[in-house]
Amino acid sequence: MSEENIVKRVCKELNLTQRELAEIIKVNSGTPAQWVTKGEVPPTYQYLLELMLENKHLKEKIAKLATFKELLNEI
């Protein structure tokens, strides 16, 4: 099974449309759709999209840690 396209993955995990993603990363509104269709993302944008996902995951981990620290303080 092939890996899910990074554009689709970013849009799904960050709850964005491809048009909203285009606005965030400052590309033409149709560019993310072209990347999905062609299955190729320029290396610089591939890296940017991976960083966006990593940032989301790190924020989720930090939020869980903050909650855990709050629980420890209650004990």
Protein backbone atom coordinates (compact mmCIF):
# COMPACT_ATOMS: atom_id res chain seq x y z
CA MET A 1 0.00 0.00 0.00
CA SER A 2 1.39 3.41 -0.93
CA GLU A 3 1.86 6.17 1.60
CA GLU A 4 -0.81 8.86 1.72
CA ASN A 5 0.09 12.05 -0.14
CA ILE A 6 1.65 14.61 2.23
CA VAL A 7 -0.75 17.34 1.04
CA LYS A 8 -3.80 15.20 1.80
CA ARG A 9 -2.31 14.19 5.14
CA VAL A 10 -1.57 17.78 6.20
CA CYS A 11 -5.03 18.93 5.18
CA LYS A 12 -6.68 16.06 7.05
CA GLU A 13 -4.61 16.34 10.23
CA LEU A 14 -4.75 20.14 10.40
CA ASN A 15 -8.38 20.28 9.27
CA LEU A 16 -7.60 22.53 6.29
CA THR A 17 -8.80 22.70 2.74
CA GLN A 18 -6.17 22.66 0.01
CA ARG A 19 -7.03 26.30 -0.69
CA GLU A 20 -6.43 27.23 2.97
CA LEU A 21 -3.15 25.33 2.92
CA ALA A 22 -2.12 27.25 -0.19
CA GLU A 23 -2.82 30.55 1.59
CA ILE A 24 -0.78 29.48 4.63
CA ILE A 25 2.26 28.39 2.63
CA LYS A 26 1.95 31.28 0.15
CA VAL A 27 1.45 29.37 -3.11
CA ASN A 28 -1.16 29.63 -5.86
CA SER A 29 -4.51 28.25 -4.71
CA GLY A 30 -4.37 25.38 -7.23
CA THR A 31 -0.81 24.32 -6.44
CA PRO A 32 -1.60 21.83 -3.64
CA ALA A 33 -4.13 20.12 -5.93
CA GLN A 34 -1.44 19.79 -8.61
CA TRP A 35 0.91 18.23 -6.06
CA VAL A 36 -1.78 15.70 -5.15
CA THR A 37 -2.54 14.89 -8.78
CA LYS A 38 1.11 14.56 -9.85
CA GLY A 39 2.13 12.86 -6.64
CA GLU A 40 5.18 15.10 -6.40
CA VAL A 41 5.86 17.94 -4.00
CA PRO A 42 8.99 20.10 -4.44
CA PRO A 43 11.55 19.18 -1.74
CA THR A 44 11.34 22.54 0.05
CA TYR A 45 7.57 22.31 0.35
CA GLN A 46 7.75 18.62 1.29
CA TYR A 47 9.98 19.62 4.20
CA LEU A 48 7.65 22.50 5.15
CA LEU A 49 4.61 20.20 5.17
CA GLU A 50 6.48 17.63 7.28
CA LEU A 51 7.39 20.38 9.75
CA MET A 52 3.76 21.45 9.94
CA LEU A 53 2.77 17.91 10.92
CA GLU A 54 5.62 17.61 13.41
CA ASN A 55 4.62 20.93 14.98
CA LYS A 56 1.04 19.71 15.42
CA HIS A 57 2.19 16.46 17.01
CA LEU A 58 4.59 18.24 19.37
CA LYS A 59 1.87 20.66 20.47
CA GLU A 60 -0.40 17.70 21.24
CA LYS A 61 2.35 16.05 23.31
CA ILE A 62 3.00 19.28 25.22
CA ALA A 63 -0.71 19.68 25.94
CA LYS A 64 -0.81 16.14 27.37
CA LEU A 65 2.26 16.83 29.50
CA ALA A 66 0.73 20.02 30.84
CA THR A 67 -2.37 18.09 31.83
CA PHE A 68 -0.23 15.38 33.43
CA LYS A 69 1.70 18.02 35.43
CA GLU A 70 -1.59 19.51 36.58
CA LEU A 71 -2.72 16.07 37.77
CA LEU A 72 0.54 15.56 39.65
CA ASN A 73 0.09 18.91 41.37
CA GLU A 74 -3.34 17.79 42.58
CA ILE A 75 -1.88 14.77 44.37
